[in-house]
PDB file of N, CA and C in Angstrom:
ATOM      1  N   MET A   1       0.901  -1.659   0.035  1.00  0.00           N
ATOM      2  CA  MET A   1       0.320  -0.163   0.519  1.00  0.00           C
ATOM      3  C   MET A   1       0.901   0.858   0.213  1.00  0.00           C
ATOM      4  N   LYS A   2       1.161   2.614  -0.851  1.00  0.00           N
ATOM      5  CA  LYS A   2       2.033   2.713  -0.881  1.00  0.00           C
ATOM      6  C   LYS A   2       0.602   4.581   0.070  1.00  0.00           C
ATOM      7  N   LEU A   3       1.593   4.438   0.486  1.00  0.00           N
ATOM      8  CA  LEU A   3       1.625   5.723   2.102  1.00  0.00           C
ATOM      9  C   LEU A   3       2.102   7.241   0.988  1.00  0.00           C
ATOM     10  N   LEU A   4       2.611   7.129   0.896  1.00  0.00           N
ATOM     11  CA  LEU A   4       3.010   8.808   0.797  1.00  0.00           C
ATOM     12  C   LEU A   4       3.834   8.758  -0.904  1.00  0.00           C
ATOM     13  N   LYS A   5       3.166  10.331  -1.742  1.00  0.00           N
ATOM     14  CA  LYS A   5       4.003   9.940  -2.910  1.00  0.00           C
ATOM     15  C   LYS A   5       3.950  11.451  -3.524  1.00  0.00           C
ATOM     16  N   ILE A   6       4.760  11.625  -4.573  1.00  0.00           N
ATOM     17  CA  ILE A   6       5.008  12.880  -5.105  1.00  0.00           C
ATOM     18  C   ILE A   6       5.100  12.504  -6.338  1.00  0.00           C
ATOM     19  N   SER A   7       4.047  14.159  -6.873  1.00  0.00           N
ATOM     20  CA  SER A   7       3.383  14.062  -8.410  1.00  0.00           C
ATOM     21  C   SER A   7       3.728  15.190  -8.831  1.00  0.00           C
ATOM     22  N   GLU A   8       3.908  15.467  -9.675  1.00  0.00           N
ATOM     23  CA  GLU A   8       4.257  16.918 -10.158  1.00  0.00           C
ATOM     24  C   GLU A   8       2.944  18.574  -9.638  1.00  0.00           C
ATOM     25  N   THR A   9       2.541  17.677  -8.780  1.00  0.00           N
ATOM     26  CA  THR A   9       1.773  18.872  -8.478  1.00  0.00           C
ATOM     27  C   THR A   9       2.569  19.271  -6.870  1.00  0.00           C
ATOM     28  N   GLY A  10       3.086  18.284  -6.177  1.00  0.00           N
ATOM     29  CA  GLY A  10       3.823  18.600  -4.672  1.00  0.00           C
ATOM     30  C   GLY A  10       3.992  16.570  -3.850  1.00  0.00           C
ATOM     31  N   GLY A  11       4.012  17.296  -2.766  1.00  0.00           N
ATOM     32  CA  GLY A  11       3.556  15.520  -1.946  1.00  0.00           C
ATOM     33  C   GLY A  11       2.777  15.393  -1.685  1.00  0.00           C
ATOM     34  N   HIS A  12       1.739  14.322  -1.155  1.00  0.00           N
ATOM     35  CA  HIS A  12       0.705  13.521  -0.817  1.00  0.00           C
ATOM     36  C   HIS A  12       0.504  12.847  -0.010  1.00  0.00           C
ATOM     37  N   PHE A  13      -0.218  12.331   1.193  1.00  0.00           N
ATOM     38  CA  PHE A  13      -0.862  11.440   1.917  1.00  0.00           C
ATOM     39  C   PHE A  13      -1.515  10.863   1.480  1.00  0.00           C
ATOM     40  N   ARG A  14      -1.703   9.251   1.747  1.00  0.00           N
ATOM     41  CA  ARG A  14      -3.152   8.345   1.834  1.00  0.00           C
ATOM     42  C   ARG A  14      -4.079   8.735   2.709  1.00  0.00           C
ATOM     43  N   ASN A  15      -5.277   9.025   2.093  1.00  0.00           N
ATOM     44  CA  ASN A  15      -5.838   9.462   3.498  1.00  0.00           C
ATOM     45  C   ASN A  15      -7.658   8.283   3.827  1.00  0.00           C
ATOM     46  N   GLU A  16      -8.032   8.090   4.350  1.00  0.00           N
ATOM     47  CA  GLU A  16      -9.208   7.224   4.766  1.00  0.00           C
ATOM     48  C   GLU A  16      -9.384   6.117   4.112  1.00  0.00           C
ATOM     49  N   ALA A  17     -10.052   7.190   2.656  1.00  0.00           N
ATOM     50  CA  ALA A  17     -10.900   7.040   1.891  1.00  0.00           C
ATOM     51  C   ALA A  17     -10.191   5.517   0.148  1.00  0.00           C
ATOM     52  N   GLY A  18      -8.530   6.425   0.497  1.00  0.00           N
ATOM     53  CA  GLY A  18      -7.245   6.025   0.060  1.00  0.00           C
ATOM     54  C   GLY A  18      -7.451   7.010  -1.462  1.00  0.00           C
ATOM     55  N   GLU A  19      -8.070   7.817  -1.025  1.00  0.00           N
ATOM     56  CA  GLU A  19      -7.719   9.225  -2.084  1.00  0.00           C
ATOM     57  C   GLU A  19      -5.866   9.917  -1.465  1.00  0.00           C
ATOM     58  N   PHE A  20      -4.824  10.477  -2.534  1.00  0.00           N
ATOM     59  CA  PHE A  20      -3.763  11.442  -1.662  1.00  0.00           C
ATOM     60  C   PHE A  20      -4.374  12.663  -2.506  1.00  0.00           C
ATOM     61  N   ILE A  21      -4.448  12.762  -1.162  1.00  0.00           N
ATOM     62  CA  ILE A  21      -4.465  14.554  -0.812  1.00  0.00           C
ATOM     63  C   ILE A  21      -3.102  15.664  -0.607  1.00  0.00           C
ATOM     64  N   PRO A  22      -3.316  16.668  -0.529  1.00  0.00           N
ATOM     65  CA  PRO A  22      -1.923  17.328  -0.699  1.00  0.00           C
ATOM     66  C   PRO A  22      -1.534  17.589   0.927  1.00  0.00           C
ATOM     67  N   ILE A  23       0.057  16.799   0.792  1.00  0.00           N
ATOM     68  CA  ILE A  23       0.306  16.985   2.267  1.00  0.00           C
ATOM     69  C   ILE A  23       0.712  18.345   3.146  1.00  0.00           C
ATOM     70  N   ASP A  24       0.520  18.762   2.540  1.00  0.00           N
ATOM     71  CA  ASP A  24       0.239  20.428   3.807  1.00  0.00           C
ATOM     72  C   ASP A  24      -1.742  20.076   3.965  1.00  0.00           C
ATOM     73  N   LYS A  25      -2.081  19.817   4.187  1.00  0.00           N
ATOM     74  CA  LYS A  25      -3.283  19.263   4.611  1.00  0.00           C
ATOM     75  C   LYS A  25      -3.008  18.449   5.232  1.00  0.00           C
ATOM     76  N   ILE A  26      -2.250  17.390   5.783  1.00  0.00           N
ATOM     77  CA  ILE A  26      -2.499  16.514   7.048  1.00  0.00           C
ATOM     78  C   ILE A  26      -2.291  16.958   8.360  1.00  0.00           C
ATOM     79  N   GLY A  27      -2.833  15.985   9.029  1.00  0.00           N
ATOM     80  CA  GLY A  27      -3.458  16.841  10.139  1.00  0.00           C
ATOM     81  C   GLY A  27      -2.453  15.678  11.237  1.00  0.00           C
ATOM     82  N   LYS A  28      -3.650  16.040  12.533  1.00  0.00           N
ATOM     83  CA  LYS A  28      -3.206  14.693  13.577  1.00  0.00           C
ATOM     84  C   LYS A  28      -3.709  13.437  13.126  1.00  0.00           C
ATOM     85  N   GLU A  29      -5.806  13.150  12.626  1.00  0.00           N
ATOM     86  CA  GLU A  29      -5.605  11.882  12.481  1.00  0.00           C
ATOM     87  C   GLU A  29      -5.369  10.989  11.163  1.00  0.00           C
ATOM     88  N   GLY A  30      -4.545  12.527   9.730  1.00  0.00           N
ATOM     89  CA  GLY A  30      -3.662  11.758   8.737  1.00  0.00           C
ATOM     90  C   GLY A  30      -2.547  11.224   9.140  1.00  0.00           C
ATOM     91  N   LEU A  31      -1.681  11.612  10.092  1.00  0.00           N
ATOM     92  CA  LEU A  31      -0.674  11.055  10.992  1.00  0.00           C
ATOM     93  C   LEU A  31      -0.755   9.998  11.324  1.00  0.00           C
ATOM     94  N   LEU A  32      -1.355   9.829  12.029  1.00  0.00           N
ATOM     95  CA  LEU A  32      -2.155   8.553  12.893  1.00  0.00           C
ATOM     96  C   LEU A  32      -2.347   7.294  12.362  1.00  0.00           C
ATOM     97  N   ARG A  33      -2.955   7.656  11.011  1.00  0.00           N
ATOM     98  CA  ARG A  33      -3.635   6.372  10.465  1.00  0.00           C
ATOM     99  C   ARG A  33      -2.639   5.743   9.674  1.00  0.00           C
ATOM    100  N   LEU A  34      -1.214   6.874   9.108  1.00  0.00           N
ATOM    101  CA  LEU A  34      -0.195   6.556   8.034  1.00  0.00           C
ATOM    102  C   LEU A  34       0.711   5.542   8.923  1.00  0.00           C
ATOM    103  N   VAL A  35       1.007   6.509  10.709  1.00  0.00           N
ATOM    104  CA  VAL A  35       1.105   5.298  11.575  1.00  0.00           C
ATOM    105  C   VAL A  35       0.684   3.980  11.957  1.00  0.00           C
ATOM    106  N   HIS A  36      -0.568   3.973  11.593  1.00  0.00           N
ATOM    107  CA  HIS A  36      -1.554   2.659  12.216  1.00  0.00           C
ATOM    108  C   HIS A  36      -0.961   1.695  10.960  1.00  0.00           C
ATOM    109  N   TRP A  37      -1.156   2.527   9.261  1.00  0.00           N
ATOM    110  CA  TRP A  37      -0.957   0.745   8.815  1.00  0.00           C
ATOM    111  C   TRP A  37       0.602   1.028   8.392  1.00  0.00           C
ATOM    112  N   THR A  38       1.305   2.001   9.029  1.00  0.00           N
ATOM    113  CA  THR A  38       3.483   1.215   9.221  1.00  0.00           C
ATOM    114  C   THR A  38       2.644  -0.218   9.157  1.00  0.00           C
ATOM    115  N   LEU A  39       2.503   0.657  10.538  1.00  0.00           N
ATOM    116  CA  LEU A  39       3.007  -0.473  11.403  1.00  0.00           C
ATOM    117  C   LEU A  39       2.053  -2.255  11.484  1.00  0.00           C
ATOM    118  N   HIS A  40       0.525  -2.176  10.393  1.00  0.00           N
ATOM    119  CA  HIS A  40      -0.336  -3.034  10.726  1.00  0.00           C
ATOM    120  C   HIS A  40      -0.094  -4.101   9.138  1.00  0.00           C
ATOM    121  N   GLU A  41       0.404  -2.962   8.518  1.00  0.00           N
ATOM    122  CA  GLU A  41       0.340  -3.268   6.857  1.00  0.00           C
ATOM    123  C   GLU A  41       1.053  -4.118   6.569  1.00  0.00           C
ATOM    124  N   GLU A  42       0.907  -5.560   5.855  1.00  0.00           N
ATOM    125  CA  GLU A  42       2.359  -5.712   4.917  1.00  0.00           C
ATOM    126  C   GLU A  42       3.568  -5.730   4.562  1.00  0.00           C
ATOM    127  N   VAL A  43       2.551  -4.916   3.554  1.00  0.00           N
ATOM    128  CA  VAL A  43       3.460  -4.012   2.785  1.00  0.00           C
ATOM    129  C   VAL A  43       3.194  -2.554   2.751  1.00  0.00           C
ATOM    130  N   VAL A  44       3.796  -1.804   2.555  1.00  0.00           N
ATOM    131  CA  VAL A  44       3.386  -0.189   2.898  1.00  0.00           C
ATOM    132  C   VAL A  44       4.724   0.057   1.553  1.00  0.00           C
ATOM    133  N   SER A  45       4.464   1.984   0.960  1.00  0.00           N
ATOM    134  CA  SER A  45       5.167   2.482   0.063  1.00  0.00           C
ATOM    135  C   SER A  45       5.659   3.551   0.010  1.00  0.00           C
ATOM    136  N   PHE A  46       6.523   3.914   0.044  1.00  0.00           N
ATOM    137  CA  PHE A  46       6.651   6.022   0.440  1.00  0.00           C
ATOM    138  C   PHE A  46       7.299   6.406  -0.992  1.00  0.00           C
ATOM    139  N   ASP A  47       6.828   7.522  -1.984  1.00  0.00           N
ATOM    140  CA  ASP A  47       7.528   7.902  -2.316  1.00  0.00           C
ATOM    141  C   ASP A  47       8.983   8.164  -1.594  1.00  0.00           C
ATOM    142  N   GLU A  48      10.643   8.423  -2.991  1.00  0.00           N
ATOM    143  CA  GLU A  48      11.912   8.478  -2.737  1.00  0.00           C
ATOM    144  C   GLU A  48      11.402  10.499  -2.210  1.00  0.00           C
ATOM    145  N   TYR A  49      12.004   9.932  -1.182  1.00  0.00           N
ATOM    146  CA  TYR A  49      11.592  12.859  -1.258  1.00  0.00           C
ATOM    147  C   TYR A  49      13.068  13.037  -2.049  1.00  0.00           C
ATOM    148  N   ASP A  50      12.364  13.158  -3.259  1.00  0.00           N
ATOM    149  CA  ASP A  50      13.684  13.975  -3.975  1.00  0.00           C
ATOM    150  C   ASP A  50      12.982  15.238  -4.208  1.00  0.00           C
ATOM    151  N   GLU A  51      13.932  16.065  -4.000  1.00  0.00           N
ATOM    152  CA  GLU A  51      13.761  18.007  -3.596  1.00  0.00           C
ATOM    153  C   GLU A  51      13.580  18.478  -5.125  1.00  0.00           C
ATOM    154  N   LYS A  52      14.355  17.939  -5.696  1.00  0.00           N
ATOM    155  CA  LYS A  52      13.969  18.789  -7.639  1.00  0.00           C
ATOM    156  C   LYS A  52      12.196  18.496  -7.560  1.00  0.00           C
ATOM    157  N   THR A  53      12.008  17.086  -7.576  1.00  0.00           N
ATOM    158  CA  THR A  53      10.855  16.441  -8.461  1.00  0.00           C
ATOM    159  C   THR A  53       9.761  17.743  -7.111  1.00  0.00           C
ATOM    160  N   LEU A  54       9.913  17.504  -6.156  1.00  0.00           N
ATOM    161  CA  LEU A  54       9.229  18.425  -5.102  1.00  0.00           C
ATOM    162  C   LEU A  54       8.988  18.967  -4.992  1.00  0.00           C
ATOM    163  N   LYS A  55       9.049  20.888  -5.492  1.00  0.00           N
ATOM    164  CA  LYS A  55       9.640  21.925  -5.382  1.00  0.00           C
ATOM    165  C   LYS A  55       8.680  23.028  -4.761  1.00  0.00           C
ATOM    166  N   ASN A  56       7.043  22.374  -3.992  1.00  0.00           N
ATOM    167  CA  ASN A  56       6.851  23.311  -3.134  1.00  0.00           C
ATOM    168  C   ASN A  56       7.765  23.204  -1.846  1.00  0.00           C
ATOM    169  N   HIS A  57       8.449  24.324  -1.115  1.00  0.00           N
ATOM    170  CA  HIS A  57       9.283  24.222  -0.305  1.00  0.00           C
ATOM    171  C   HIS A  57       7.950  24.197   1.382  1.00  0.00           C
ATOM    172  N   ALA A  58       7.348  24.522   1.303  1.00  0.00           N
ATOM    173  CA  ALA A  58       6.344  23.254   3.127  1.00  0.00           C
ATOM    174  C   ALA A  58       6.079  21.646   1.760  1.00  0.00           C
ATOM    175  N   HIS A  59       5.540  21.773   0.923  1.00  0.00           N
ATOM    176  CA  HIS A  59       5.590  20.529   0.878  1.00  0.00           C
ATOM    177  C   HIS A  59       6.860  19.513   0.904  1.00  0.00           C
ATOM    178  N   GLN A  60       7.987  19.680   0.512  1.00  0.00           N
ATOM    179  CA  GLN A  60       9.707  19.786   1.211  1.00  0.00           C
ATOM    180  C   GLN A  60       9.520  19.583   2.206  1.00  0.00           C
ATOM    181  N   LEU A  61       9.349  20.495   3.475  1.00  0.00           N
ATOM    182  CA  LEU A  61       9.985  20.083   4.846  1.00  0.00           C
ATOM    183  C   LEU A  61       8.358  19.383   5.674  1.00  0.00           C
ATOM    184  N   ILE A  62       7.064  19.282   5.363  1.00  0.00           N
ATOM    185  CA  ILE A  62       6.150  18.229   5.322  1.00  0.00           C
ATOM    186  C   ILE A  62       6.579  17.091   5.395  1.00  0.00           C
ATOM    187  N   TYR A  63       6.528  16.700   4.018  1.00  0.00           N
ATOM    188  CA  TYR A  63       6.901  15.396   3.248  1.00  0.00           C
ATOM    189  C   TYR A  63       8.518  14.689   4.053  1.00  0.00           C
ATOM    190  N   LYS A  64       8.877  14.945   4.026  1.00  0.00           N
ATOM    191  CA  LYS A  64      10.929  15.283   4.105  1.00  0.00           C
ATOM    192  C   LYS A  64      10.100  14.078   5.728  1.00  0.00           C
ATOM    193  N   SER A  65       9.938  14.972   6.291  1.00  0.00           N
ATOM    194  CA  SER A  65       9.591  14.834   7.752  1.00  0.00           C
ATOM    195  C   SER A  65       8.929  13.189   8.006  1.00  0.00           C
ATOM    196  N   VAL A  66       8.213  13.475   7.642  1.00  0.00           N
ATOM    197  CA  VAL A  66       6.816  12.818   7.880  1.00  0.00           C
ATOM    198  C   VAL A  66       7.788  10.943   6.940  1.00  0.00           C
ATOM    199  N   ALA A  67       8.021  11.108   5.675  1.00  0.00           N
ATOM    200  CA  ALA A  67       8.815   9.908   5.427  1.00  0.00           C
ATOM    201  C   ALA A  67       9.759   9.645   6.703  1.00  0.00           C
ATOM    202  N   GLN A  68      10.435  10.260   7.337  1.00  0.00           N
ATOM    203  CA  GLN A  68      11.623  10.275   7.483  1.00  0.00           C
ATOM    204  C   GLN A  68      11.343   9.354   9.558  1.00  0.00           C
ATOM    205  N   LYS A  69      10.350   9.868   9.573  1.00  0.00           N
ATOM    206  CA  LYS A  69       9.802   9.082  10.433  1.00  0.00           C
ATOM    207  C   LYS A  69       8.522   8.230  10.734  1.00  0.00           C
ATOM    208  N   LEU A  70       8.501   7.766   9.318  1.00  0.00           N
ATOM    209  CA  LEU A  70       8.172   6.254   8.640  1.00  0.00           C
ATOM    210  C   LEU A  70       8.252   5.407   8.632  1.00  0.00           C
ATOM    211  N   VAL A  71       9.304   5.924   8.085  1.00  0.00           N
ATOM    212  CA  VAL A  71      10.739   4.647   7.435  1.00  0.00           C
ATOM    213  C   VAL A  71      11.932   4.435   8.355  1.00  0.00           C
ATOM    214  N   ALA A  72      11.544   5.172   9.592  1.00  0.00           N
ATOM    215  CA  ALA A  72      12.487   4.584  10.938  1.00  0.00           C
ATOM    216  C   ALA A  72      11.590   3.520  11.646  1.00  0.00           C
ATOM    217  N   LEU A  73       9.910   4.390  11.639  1.00  0.00           N
ATOM    218  CA  LEU A  73       8.964   3.059  12.740  1.00  0.00           C
ATOM    219  C   LEU A  73       9.026   1.897  12.119  1.00  0.00           C
ATOM    220  N   ARG A  74       9.471   1.872  10.544  1.00  0.00           N
ATOM    221  CA  ARG A  74       8.523   0.493   9.913  1.00  0.00           C
ATOM    222  C   ARG A  74      10.284  -0.343  10.376  1.00  0.00           C
ATOM    223  N   LYS A  75      11.573   0.259  10.067  1.00  0.00           N
ATOM    224  CA  LYS A  75      12.312  -0.608  10.078  1.00  0.00           C
ATOM    225  C   LYS A  75      12.025  -1.402  12.239  1.00  0.00           C
ATOM    226  N   ARG A  76      11.562  -0.306  12.418  1.00  0.00           N
ATOM    227  CA  ARG A  76      11.655  -0.996  13.973  1.00  0.00           C
ATOM    228  C   ARG A  76      10.306  -1.686  14.192  1.00  0.00           C
ATOM    229  N   ARG A  77       9.358  -1.563  13.443  1.00  0.00           N
ATOM    230  CA  ARG A  77       8.101  -1.804  13.080  1.00  0.00           C
ATOM    231  C   ARG A  77       7.660  -3.380  13.949  1.00  0.00           C
ATOM    232  N   LYS A  78       8.927  -4.630  14.274  1.00  0.00           N
ATOM    233  CA  LYS A  78       8.304  -5.299  14.970  1.00  0.00           C
ATOM    234  C   LYS A  78       8.882  -5.332  16.633  1.00  0.00           C
ATOM    235  N   SER A  79       9.461  -4.522  16.571  1.00  0.00           N
ATOM    236  CA  SER A  79      10.450  -4.430  18.439  1.00  0.00           C
ATOM    237  C   SER A  79       9.048  -4.002  19.117  1.00  0.00           C
ATOM    238  N   PHE A  80       9.311  -2.817  18.390  1.00  0.00           N
ATOM    239  CA  PHE A  80       8.090  -1.846  18.493  1.00  0.00           C
ATOM    240  C   PHE A  80       6.552  -2.147  18.571  1.00  0.00           C
ATOM    241  N   LEU A  81       6.219  -3.691  17.733  1.00  0.00           N
ATOM    242  CA  LEU A  81       4.310  -4.149  18.159  1.00  0.00           C
ATOM    243  C   LEU A  81       4.969  -5.012  19.564  1.00  0.00           C
ATOM    244  N   ASP A  82       6.038  -5.602  20.094  1.00  0.00           N
ATOM    245  CA  ASP A  82       6.793  -6.675  20.929  1.00  0.00           C
ATOM    246  C   ASP A  82       6.509  -5.688  21.800  1.00  0.00           C
ATOM    247  N   GLU A  83       6.913  -4.438  22.207  1.00  0.00           N
ATOM    248  CA  GLU A  83       7.213  -3.911  23.653  1.00  0.00           C
ATOM    249  C   GLU A  83       6.167  -3.399  23.759  1.00  0.00           C
ATOM    250  N   SER A  84       5.007  -2.698  23.313  1.00  0.00           N
ATOM    251  CA  SER A  84       2.999  -2.521  23.050  1.00  0.00           C
ATOM    252  C   SER A  84       2.652  -3.512  24.187  1.00  0.00           C
ATOM    253  N   ALA A  85       2.644  -5.241  23.026  1.00  0.00           N
ATOM    254  CA  ALA A  85       2.873  -5.883  23.365  1.00  0.00           C
ATOM    255  C   ALA A  85       2.754  -6.459  24.909  1.00  0.00           C
ATOM    256  N   ARG A  86       4.010  -5.910  25.509  1.00  0.00           N
ATOM    257  CA  ARG A  86       4.994  -6.661  26.819  1.00  0.00           C
ATOM    258  C   ARG A  86       3.957  -5.154  27.898  1.00  0.00           C
ATOM    259  N   LEU A  87       3.432  -4.059  27.231  1.00  0.00           N
ATOM    260  CA  LEU A  87       3.838  -2.992  27.414  1.00  0.00           C
ATOM    261  C   LEU A  87       2.069  -3.209  28.421  1.00  0.00           C
ATOM    262  N   TYR A  88       1.272  -3.765  27.853  1.00  0.00           N
ATOM    263  CA  TYR A  88       0.146  -4.075  28.389  1.00  0.00           C
ATOM    264  C   TYR A  88      -0.542  -5.156  28.961  1.00  0.00           C
ATOM    265  N   LEU A  89       0.593  -6.510  28.467  1.00  0.00           N
ATOM    266  CA  LEU A  89      -0.053  -7.931  29.410  1.00  0.00           C
ATOM    267  C   LEU A  89       0.006  -7.907  30.417  1.00  0.00           C
ATOM    268  N   GLU A  90       0.863  -7.417  31.196  1.00  0.00           N
ATOM    269  CA  GLU A  90       0.111  -7.358  32.552  1.00  0.00           C
ATOM    270  C   GLU A  90      -0.703  -6.992  33.227  1.00  0.00           C
ATOM    271  N   ASP A  91      -1.482  -5.707  32.243  1.00  0.00           N
ATOM    272  CA  ASP A  91      -2.818  -5.138  32.822  1.00  0.00           C
ATOM    273  C   ASP A  91      -3.333  -6.030  32.521  1.00  0.00           C
ATOM    274  N   TYR A  92      -3.465  -6.542  31.568  1.00  0.00           N
ATOM    275  CA  TYR A  92      -3.967  -7.946  30.186  1.00  0.00           C
ATOM    276  C   TYR A  92      -4.858  -8.865  31.364  1.00  0.00           C
ATOM    277  N   GLU A  93      -2.684  -9.032  32.158  1.00  0.00           N
ATOM    278  CA  GLU A  93      -3.180 -10.805  32.645  1.00  0.00           C
ATOM    279  C   GLU A  93      -4.008 -10.160  34.052  1.00  0.00           C
ATOM    280  N   LYS A  94      -4.442  -8.824  34.579  1.00  0.00           N
ATOM    281  CA  LYS A  94      -4.648  -8.446  35.880  1.00  0.00           C
ATOM    282  C   LYS A  94      -6.296  -8.185  35.968  1.00  0.00           C
ATOM    283  N   TYR A  95      -7.359  -7.591  34.258  1.00  0.00           N
ATOM    284  CA  TYR A  95      -8.147  -7.358  34.031  1.00  0.00           C
ATOM    285  C   TYR A  95      -9.166  -7.942  32.842  1.00  0.00           C
ATOM    286  N   ARG A  96      -8.965  -9.431  32.862  1.00  0.00           N
ATOM    287  CA  ARG A  96      -8.904 -10.480  31.875  1.00  0.00           C
ATOM    288  C   ARG A  96      -9.559 -11.723  32.402  1.00  0.00           C
ATOM    289  N   PRO A  97     -11.140 -11.445  32.639  1.00  0.00           N
ATOM    290  CA  PRO A  97     -11.543 -12.778  32.494  1.00  0.00           C
ATOM    291  C   PRO A  97     -11.814 -14.020  33.355  1.00  0.00           C
ATOM    292  N   SER A  98     -11.678 -14.356  34.045  1.00  0.00           N
ATOM    293  CA  SER A  98     -11.447 -15.099  34.977  1.00  0.00           C
ATOM    294  C   SER A  98     -12.506 -16.491  34.142  1.00  0.00           C
ATOM    295  N   VAL A  99     -11.521 -17.567  33.687  1.00  0.00           N
ATOM    296  CA  VAL A  99     -12.045 -18.707  32.936  1.00  0.00           C
ATOM    297  C   VAL A  99     -12.605 -20.134  34.738  1.00  0.00           C
ATOM    298  N   SER A 100     -13.740 -19.646  34.222  1.00  0.00           N
ATOM    299  CA  SER A 100     -14.635 -20.824  35.011  1.00  0.00           C
ATOM    300  C   SER A 100     -14.605 -22.705  34.644  1.00  0.00           C
ATOM    301  N   LYS A 101     -13.674 -22.989  35.617  1.00  0.00           N
ATOM    302  CA  LYS A 101     -13.878 -24.549  34.849  1.00  0.00           C
ATOM    303  C   LYS A 101     -14.883 -25.561  35.929  1.00  0.00           C
TER     304      LYS A 101
END
């Protein structure tokens, strides 16, 4: 699944409907959705940041930052998910329903 792309009009991110929206319109929900997809989708891709292709300076700054963070998160995906699971395991064990025999 492609999450970020660069076209002649600028940088874009995938929204919940699968459409690509200009990167300067991204908000908290859009970022959280990209993080979720980065962690949970088997295959994700991002167009490589290219300053020459991406003419809009605001798009350059936002796209580069978001892309770097998502790529770094993707690289440590397994350890992040494992750490998250361990973090909540104790509470899960404490509050899970008892199974009576």
